Amino acid sequence: MATDKNILAKGIKYLSGALPLLFLGPVIINSAFKNEKHPLYPYILALGIIIALAAMFLIFKGITTLVKSMFEGDKNTNT
């Protein structure tokens, strides 16, 4: 059971891209809820929700890529 290093690095890149979004999304959502009277409130809230959803997607993509690299790695080198 060999690990494909290129796919593993790709999965780690996805997870490292999700890390700042994990903190940025809730901060923006919290900031939007503190300023409900501001005219840009719905846009800032939507931006925070989109960033939080992007973080969740990148985490999902990163974990599936890591699992793929570990369990499906180097299948083509058996020749």
PDB file of N, CA and C in Angstrom:
ATOM      1  N   MET A   1       0.847  -1.177   0.000  1.00  0.00           N
ATOM      2  CA  MET A   1       0.000   0.000   0.000  1.00  0.00           C
ATOM      3  C   MET A   1       0.893   1.241   0.000  1.00  0.00           C
ATOM      4  N   ALA A   2       1.222   1.702  -1.196  1.00  0.00           N
ATOM      5  CA  ALA A   2       2.088   2.862  -1.333  1.00  0.00           C
ATOM      6  C   ALA A   2       1.259   4.133  -1.447  1.00  0.00           C
ATOM      7  N   THR A   3       1.858   5.216  -1.040  1.00  0.00           N
ATOM      8  CA  THR A   3       1.180   6.509  -1.083  1.00  0.00           C
ATOM      9  C   THR A   3       1.697   7.307  -2.269  1.00  0.00           C
ATOM     10  N   ASP A   4       0.790   7.840  -3.059  1.00  0.00           N
ATOM     11  CA  ASP A   4       1.165   8.695  -4.176  1.00  0.00           C
ATOM     12  C   ASP A   4       1.470  10.091  -3.630  1.00  0.00           C
ATOM     13  N   LYS A   5       2.727  10.477  -3.702  1.00  0.00           N
ATOM     14  CA  LYS A   5       3.165  11.736  -3.075  1.00  0.00           C
ATOM     15  C   LYS A   5       2.569  12.970  -3.748  1.00  0.00           C
ATOM     16  N   ASN A   6       2.376  12.917  -5.072  1.00  0.00           N
ATOM     17  CA  ASN A   6       1.829  14.087  -5.768  1.00  0.00           C
ATOM     18  C   ASN A   6       0.387  14.352  -5.357  1.00  0.00           C
ATOM     19  N   ILE A   7      -0.415  13.298  -5.271  1.00  0.00           N
ATOM     20  CA  ILE A   7      -1.812  13.468  -4.866  1.00  0.00           C
ATOM     21  C   ILE A   7      -1.884  13.860  -3.392  1.00  0.00           C
ATOM     22  N   LEU A   8      -0.975  13.325  -2.580  1.00  0.00           N
ATOM     23  CA  LEU A   8      -0.929  13.700  -1.166  1.00  0.00           C
ATOM     24  C   LEU A   8      -0.631  15.193  -1.010  1.00  0.00           C
ATOM     25  N   ALA A   9       0.313  15.702  -1.792  1.00  0.00           N
ATOM     26  CA  ALA A   9       0.644  17.129  -1.735  1.00  0.00           C
ATOM     27  C   ALA A   9      -0.538  17.987  -2.188  1.00  0.00           C
ATOM     28  N   LYS A  10      -1.280  17.492  -3.174  1.00  0.00           N
ATOM     29  CA  LYS A  10      -2.458  18.217  -3.641  1.00  0.00           C
ATOM     30  C   LYS A  10      -3.519  18.299  -2.544  1.00  0.00           C
ATOM     31  N   GLY A  11      -3.712  17.209  -1.804  1.00  0.00           N
ATOM     32  CA  GLY A  11      -4.674  17.208  -0.707  1.00  0.00           C
ATOM     33  C   GLY A  11      -4.268  18.139   0.414  1.00  0.00           C
ATOM     34  N   ILE A  12      -2.973  18.187   0.699  1.00  0.00           N
ATOM     35  CA  ILE A  12      -2.483  19.091   1.745  1.00  0.00           C
ATOM     36  C   ILE A  12      -2.641  20.547   1.307  1.00  0.00           C
ATOM     37  N   LYS A  13      -2.493  20.815   0.012  1.00  0.00           N
ATOM     38  CA  LYS A  13      -2.716  22.176  -0.489  1.00  0.00           C
ATOM     39  C   LYS A  13      -4.172  22.593  -0.319  1.00  0.00           C
ATOM     40  N   TYR A  14      -5.092  21.659  -0.585  1.00  0.00           N
ATOM     41  CA  TYR A  14      -6.511  21.971  -0.368  1.00  0.00           C
ATOM     42  C   TYR A  14      -6.770  22.295   1.101  1.00  0.00           C
ATOM     43  N   LEU A  15      -6.222  21.484   1.989  1.00  0.00           N
ATOM     44  CA  LEU A  15      -6.453  21.704   3.418  1.00  0.00           C
ATOM     45  C   LEU A  15      -5.795  22.993   3.903  1.00  0.00           C
ATOM     46  N   SER A  16      -4.609  23.300   3.378  1.00  0.00           N
ATOM     47  CA  SER A  16      -3.960  24.548   3.794  1.00  0.00           C
ATOM     48  C   SER A  16      -4.686  25.766   3.225  1.00  0.00           C
ATOM     49  N   GLY A  17      -5.361  25.614   2.102  1.00  0.00           N
ATOM     50  CA  GLY A  17      -6.178  26.700   1.577  1.00  0.00           C
ATOM     51  C   GLY A  17      -7.445  26.908   2.387  1.00  0.00           C
ATOM     52  N   ALA A  18      -7.936  25.832   2.990  1.00  0.00           N
ATOM     53  CA  ALA A  18      -9.158  25.925   3.791  1.00  0.00           C
ATOM     54  C   ALA A  18      -8.898  26.532   5.162  1.00  0.00           C
ATOM     55  N   LEU A  19      -7.684  26.434   5.649  1.00  0.00           N
ATOM     56  CA  LEU A  19      -7.378  26.890   7.004  1.00  0.00           C
ATOM     57  C   LEU A  19      -7.677  28.374   7.232  1.00  0.00           C
ATOM     58  N   PRO A  20      -7.216  29.294   6.376  1.00  0.00           N
ATOM     59  CA  PRO A  20      -7.568  30.699   6.638  1.00  0.00           C
ATOM     60  C   PRO A  20      -9.063  30.975   6.472  1.00  0.00           C
ATOM     61  N   LEU A  21      -9.699  30.243   5.553  1.00  0.00           N
ATOM     62  CA  LEU A  21     -11.132  30.453   5.351  1.00  0.00           C
ATOM     63  C   LEU A  21     -11.941  29.984   6.549  1.00  0.00           C
ATOM     64  N   LEU A  22     -11.424  28.991   7.275  1.00  0.00           N
ATOM     65  CA  LEU A  22     -12.111  28.511   8.471  1.00  0.00           C
ATOM     66  C   LEU A  22     -12.226  29.603   9.531  1.00  0.00           C
ATOM     67  N   PHE A  23     -11.255  30.468   9.596  1.00  0.00           N
ATOM     68  CA  PHE A  23     -11.288  31.559  10.569  1.00  0.00           C
ATOM     69  C   PHE A  23     -11.959  32.805   9.994  1.00  0.00           C
ATOM     70  N   LEU A  24     -11.743  33.053   8.722  1.00  0.00           N
ATOM     71  CA  LEU A  24     -12.252  34.272   8.101  1.00  0.00           C
ATOM     72  C   LEU A  24     -13.774  34.271   7.965  1.00  0.00           C
ATOM     73  N   GLY A  25     -14.358  33.137   7.599  1.00  0.00           N
ATOM     74  CA  GLY A  25     -15.810  33.057   7.420  1.00  0.00           C
ATOM     75  C   GLY A  25     -16.594  33.410   8.668  1.00  0.00           C
ATOM     76  N   PRO A  26     -16.358  32.739   9.803  1.00  0.00           N
ATOM     77  CA  PRO A  26     -17.102  33.091  11.020  1.00  0.00           C
ATOM     78  C   PRO A  26     -16.843  34.512  11.520  1.00  0.00           C
ATOM     79  N   VAL A  27     -15.638  35.031  11.308  1.00  0.00           N
ATOM     80  CA  VAL A  27     -15.354  36.409  11.726  1.00  0.00           C
ATOM     81  C   VAL A  27     -16.206  37.386  10.921  1.00  0.00           C
ATOM     82  N   ILE A  28     -16.311  37.158   9.618  1.00  0.00           N
ATOM     83  CA  ILE A  28     -17.121  38.045   8.777  1.00  0.00           C
ATOM     84  C   ILE A  28     -18.603  37.912   9.118  1.00  0.00           C
ATOM     85  N   ILE A  29     -19.063  36.684   9.370  1.00  0.00           N
ATOM     86  CA  ILE A  29     -20.468  36.485   9.754  1.00  0.00           C
ATOM     87  C   ILE A  29     -20.767  37.191  11.073  1.00  0.00           C
ATOM     88  N   ASN A  30     -19.869  37.067  12.036  1.00  0.00           N
ATOM     89  CA  ASN A  30     -20.049  37.733  13.327  1.00  0.00           C
ATOM     90  C   ASN A  30     -20.055  39.255  13.166  1.00  0.00           C
ATOM     91  N   SER A  31     -19.165  39.756  12.335  1.00  0.00           N
ATOM     92  CA  SER A  31     -19.116  41.194  12.088  1.00  0.00           C
ATOM     93  C   SER A  31     -20.406  41.679  11.425  1.00  0.00           C
ATOM     94  N   ALA A  32     -20.946  40.874  10.534  1.00  0.00           N
ATOM     95  CA  ALA A  32     -22.198  41.263   9.875  1.00  0.00           C
ATOM     96  C   ALA A  32     -23.341  41.313  10.875  1.00  0.00           C
ATOM     97  N   PHE A  33     -23.411  40.352  11.786  1.00  0.00           N
ATOM     98  CA  PHE A  33     -24.495  40.349  12.765  1.00  0.00           C
ATOM     99  C   PHE A  33     -24.354  41.477  13.788  1.00  0.00           C
ATOM    100  N   LYS A  34     -23.148  41.951  14.016  1.00  0.00           N
ATOM    101  CA  LYS A  34     -22.966  43.082  14.929  1.00  0.00           C
ATOM    102  C   LYS A  34     -23.403  44.400  14.295  1.00  0.00           C
ATOM    103  N   ASN A  35     -23.437  44.453  12.974  1.00  0.00           N
ATOM    104  CA  ASN A  35     -23.790  45.688  12.260  1.00  0.00           C
ATOM    105  C   ASN A  35     -25.049  45.491  11.424  1.00  0.00           C
ATOM    106  N   GLU A  36     -26.122  45.042  12.042  1.00  0.00           N
ATOM    107  CA  GLU A  36     -27.352  44.771  11.295  1.00  0.00           C
ATOM    108  C   GLU A  36     -28.005  46.031  10.738  1.00  0.00           C
ATOM    109  N   LYS A  37     -27.721  47.172  11.299  1.00  0.00           N
ATOM    110  CA  LYS A  37     -28.329  48.425  10.836  1.00  0.00           C
ATOM    111  C   LYS A  37     -27.626  48.992   9.597  1.00  0.00           C
ATOM    112  N   HIS A  38     -26.449  48.497   9.295  1.00  0.00           N
ATOM    113  CA  HIS A  38     -25.672  49.000   8.167  1.00  0.00           C
ATOM    114  C   HIS A  38     -26.334  48.585   6.850  1.00  0.00           C
ATOM    115  N   PRO A  39     -26.304  49.450   5.834  1.00  0.00           N
ATOM    116  CA  PRO A  39     -26.974  49.097   4.570  1.00  0.00           C
ATOM    117  C   PRO A  39     -26.320  47.927   3.817  1.00  0.00           C
ATOM    118  N   LEU A  40     -25.061  47.653   4.083  1.00  0.00           N
ATOM    119  CA  LEU A  40     -24.385  46.545   3.403  1.00  0.00           C
ATOM    120  C   LEU A  40     -24.478  45.230   4.172  1.00  0.00           C
ATOM    121  N   TYR A  41     -25.323  45.194   5.192  1.00  0.00           N
ATOM    122  CA  TYR A  41     -25.447  44.002   6.042  1.00  0.00           C
ATOM    123  C   TYR A  41     -25.709  42.717   5.259  1.00  0.00           C
ATOM    124  N   PRO A  42     -26.697  42.675   4.350  1.00  0.00           N
ATOM    125  CA  PRO A  42     -26.961  41.392   3.679  1.00  0.00           C
ATOM    126  C   PRO A  42     -25.808  40.937   2.789  1.00  0.00           C
ATOM    127  N   TYR A  43     -25.094  41.889   2.203  1.00  0.00           N
ATOM    128  CA  TYR A  43     -23.988  41.528   1.319  1.00  0.00           C
ATOM    129  C   TYR A  43     -22.801  40.975   2.110  1.00  0.00           C
ATOM    130  N   ILE A  44     -22.513  41.589   3.241  1.00  0.00           N
ATOM    131  CA  ILE A  44     -21.421  41.112   4.087  1.00  0.00           C
ATOM    132  C   ILE A  44     -21.771  39.747   4.672  1.00  0.00           C
ATOM    133  N   LEU A  45     -23.025  39.571   5.066  1.00  0.00           N
ATOM    134  CA  LEU A  45     -23.459  38.276   5.589  1.00  0.00           C
ATOM    135  C   LEU A  45     -23.360  37.200   4.511  1.00  0.00           C
ATOM    136  N   ALA A  46     -23.782  37.520   3.298  1.00  0.00           N
ATOM    137  CA  ALA A  46     -23.685  36.565   2.193  1.00  0.00           C
ATOM    138  C   ALA A  46     -22.230  36.226   1.892  1.00  0.00           C
ATOM    139  N   LEU A  47     -21.356  37.225   1.954  1.00  0.00           N
ATOM    140  CA  LEU A  47     -19.932  36.976   1.729  1.00  0.00           C
ATOM    141  C   LEU A  47     -19.368  36.029   2.782  1.00  0.00           C
ATOM    142  N   GLY A  48     -19.731  36.243   4.037  1.00  0.00           N
ATOM    143  CA  GLY A  48     -19.268  35.365   5.108  1.00  0.00           C
ATOM    144  C   GLY A  48     -19.771  33.948   4.946  1.00  0.00           C
ATOM    145  N   ILE A  49     -21.024  33.803   4.534  1.00  0.00           N
ATOM    146  CA  ILE A  49     -21.580  32.462   4.329  1.00  0.00           C
ATOM    147  C   ILE A  49     -20.898  31.771   3.157  1.00  0.00           C
ATOM    148  N   ILE A  50     -20.633  32.502   2.091  1.00  0.00           N
ATOM    149  CA  ILE A  50     -19.945  31.919   0.936  1.00  0.00           C
ATOM    150  C   ILE A  50     -18.538  31.480   1.312  1.00  0.00           C
ATOM    151  N   ILE A  51     -17.836  32.288   2.101  1.00  0.00           N
ATOM    152  CA  ILE A  51     -16.485  31.922   2.532  1.00  0.00           C
ATOM    153  C   ILE A  51     -16.522  30.689   3.427  1.00  0.00           C
ATOM    154  N   ALA A  52     -17.509  30.605   4.321  1.00  0.00           N
ATOM    155  CA  ALA A  52     -17.629  29.434   5.188  1.00  0.00           C
ATOM    156  C   ALA A  52     -17.945  28.181   4.375  1.00  0.00           C
ATOM    157  N   LEU A  53     -18.812  28.304   3.378  1.00  0.00           N
ATOM    158  CA  LEU A  53     -19.121  27.158   2.518  1.00  0.00           C
ATOM    159  C   LEU A  53     -17.912  26.740   1.683  1.00  0.00           C
ATOM    160  N   ALA A  54     -17.129  27.716   1.230  1.00  0.00           N
ATOM    161  CA  ALA A  54     -15.911  27.394   0.481  1.00  0.00           C
ATOM    162  C   ALA A  54     -14.912  26.652   1.361  1.00  0.00           C
ATOM    163  N   ALA A  55     -14.822  27.037   2.629  1.00  0.00           N
ATOM    164  CA  ALA A  55     -13.928  26.335   3.555  1.00  0.00           C
ATOM    165  C   ALA A  55     -14.379  24.894   3.744  1.00  0.00           C
ATOM    166  N   MET A  56     -15.687  24.686   3.889  1.00  0.00           N
ATOM    167  CA  MET A  56     -16.196  23.318   4.047  1.00  0.00           C
ATOM    168  C   MET A  56     -15.938  22.485   2.799  1.00  0.00           C
ATOM    169  N   PHE A  57     -16.108  23.090   1.625  1.00  0.00           N
ATOM    170  CA  PHE A  57     -15.848  22.365   0.387  1.00  0.00           C
ATOM    171  C   PHE A  57     -14.373  21.995   0.256  1.00  0.00           C
ATOM    172  N   LEU A  58     -13.485  22.936   0.586  1.00  0.00           N
ATOM    173  CA  LEU A  58     -12.054  22.648   0.486  1.00  0.00           C
ATOM    174  C   LEU A  58     -11.624  21.576   1.482  1.00  0.00           C
ATOM    175  N   ILE A  59     -12.222  21.555   2.661  1.00  0.00           N
ATOM    176  CA  ILE A  59     -11.912  20.499   3.628  1.00  0.00           C
ATOM    177  C   ILE A  59     -12.362  19.149   3.084  1.00  0.00           C
ATOM    178  N   PHE A  60     -13.574  19.094   2.538  1.00  0.00           N
ATOM    179  CA  PHE A  60     -14.072  17.851   1.957  1.00  0.00           C
ATOM    180  C   PHE A  60     -13.166  17.385   0.826  1.00  0.00           C
ATOM    181  N   LYS A  61     -12.818  18.303  -0.072  1.00  0.00           N
ATOM    182  CA  LYS A  61     -11.972  17.962  -1.213  1.00  0.00           C
ATOM    183  C   LYS A  61     -10.582  17.522  -0.753  1.00  0.00           C
ATOM    184  N   GLY A  62     -10.038  18.184   0.255  1.00  0.00           N
ATOM    185  CA  GLY A  62      -8.715  17.825   0.761  1.00  0.00           C
ATOM    186  C   GLY A  62      -8.695  16.465   1.421  1.00  0.00           C
ATOM    187  N   ILE A  63      -9.705  16.163   2.228  1.00  0.00           N
ATOM    188  CA  ILE A  63      -9.740  14.864   2.906  1.00  0.00           C
ATOM    189  C   ILE A  63      -9.949  13.743   1.901  1.00  0.00           C
ATOM    190  N   THR A  64     -10.841  13.942   0.925  1.00  0.00           N
ATOM    191  CA  THR A  64     -11.036  12.893  -0.075  1.00  0.00           C
ATOM    192  C   THR A  64      -9.781  12.690  -0.919  1.00  0.00           C
ATOM    193  N   THR A  65      -9.054  13.755  -1.195  1.00  0.00           N
ATOM    194  CA  THR A  65      -7.809  13.624  -1.948  1.00  0.00           C
ATOM    195  C   THR A  65      -6.750  12.899  -1.128  1.00  0.00           C
ATOM    196  N   LEU A  66      -6.674  13.184   0.176  1.00  0.00           N
ATOM    197  CA  LEU A  66      -5.727  12.465   1.033  1.00  0.00           C
ATOM    198  C   LEU A  66      -6.048  10.979   1.090  1.00  0.00           C
ATOM    199  N   VAL A  67      -7.310  10.648   1.242  1.00  0.00           N
ATOM    200  CA  VAL A  67      -7.708   9.239   1.297  1.00  0.00           C
ATOM    201  C   VAL A  67      -7.426   8.565  -0.036  1.00  0.00           C
ATOM    202  N   LYS A  68      -7.691   9.276  -1.124  1.00  0.00           N
ATOM    203  CA  LYS A  68      -7.416   8.728  -2.451  1.00  0.00           C
ATOM    204  C   LYS A  68      -5.925   8.468  -2.636  1.00  0.00           C
ATOM    205  N   SER A  69      -5.089   9.359  -2.139  1.00  0.00           N
ATOM    206  CA  SER A  69      -3.642   9.172  -2.300  1.00  0.00           C
ATOM    207  C   SER A  69      -3.136   7.992  -1.485  1.00  0.00           C
ATOM    208  N   MET A  70      -3.770   7.717  -0.358  1.00  0.00           N
ATOM    209  CA  MET A  70      -3.305   6.619   0.487  1.00  0.00           C
ATOM    210  C   MET A  70      -3.803   5.257   0.011  1.00  0.00           C
ATOM    211  N   PHE A  71      -5.053   5.185  -0.424  1.00  0.00           N
ATOM    212  CA  PHE A  71      -5.624   3.888  -0.752  1.00  0.00           C
ATOM    213  C   PHE A  71      -5.597   3.553  -2.231  1.00  0.00           C
ATOM    214  N   GLU A  72      -5.460   4.549  -3.096  1.00  0.00           N
ATOM    215  CA  GLU A  72      -5.409   4.286  -4.525  1.00  0.00           C
ATOM    216  C   GLU A  72      -4.067   4.683  -5.122  1.00  0.00           C
ATOM    217  N   GLY A  73      -3.066   4.885  -4.312  1.00  0.00           N
ATOM    218  CA  GLY A  73      -1.774   5.353  -4.789  1.00  0.00           C
ATOM    219  C   GLY A  73      -0.958   4.271  -5.462  1.00  0.00           C
ATOM    220  N   ASP A  74      -0.267   4.620  -6.521  1.00  0.00           N
ATOM    221  CA  ASP A  74       0.672   3.763  -7.248  1.00  0.00           C
ATOM    222  C   ASP A  74       0.046   2.470  -7.747  1.00  0.00           C
ATOM    223  N   LYS A  75      -1.189   2.492  -8.200  1.00  0.00           N
ATOM    224  CA  LYS A  75      -1.799   1.286  -8.766  1.00  0.00           C
ATOM    225  C   LYS A  75      -1.287   1.025 -10.173  1.00  0.00           C
ATOM    226  N   ASN A  76      -0.819   2.060 -10.853  1.00  0.00           N
ATOM    227  CA  ASN A  76      -0.364   1.910 -12.230  1.00  0.00           C
ATOM    228  C   ASN A  76       1.077   1.432 -12.329  1.00  0.00           C
ATOM    229  N   THR A  77       1.787   1.285 -11.237  1.00  0.00           N
ATOM    230  CA  THR A  77       3.197   0.886 -11.284  1.00  0.00           C
ATOM    231  C   THR A  77       3.388  -0.607 -11.079  1.00  0.00           C
ATOM    232  N   ASN A  78       2.337  -1.409 -11.207  1.00  0.00           N
ATOM    233  CA  ASN A  78       2.451  -2.848 -11.000  1.00  0.00           C
ATOM    234  C   ASN A  78       2.855  -3.591 -12.257  1.00  0.00           C
ATOM    235  N   THR A  79       3.256  -2.909 -13.311  1.00  0.00           N
ATOM    236  CA  THR A  79       3.613  -3.576 -14.558  1.00  0.00           C
ATOM    237  C   THR A  79       5.029  -4.038 -14.564  1.00  0.00           C
TER     238      THR A  79
END
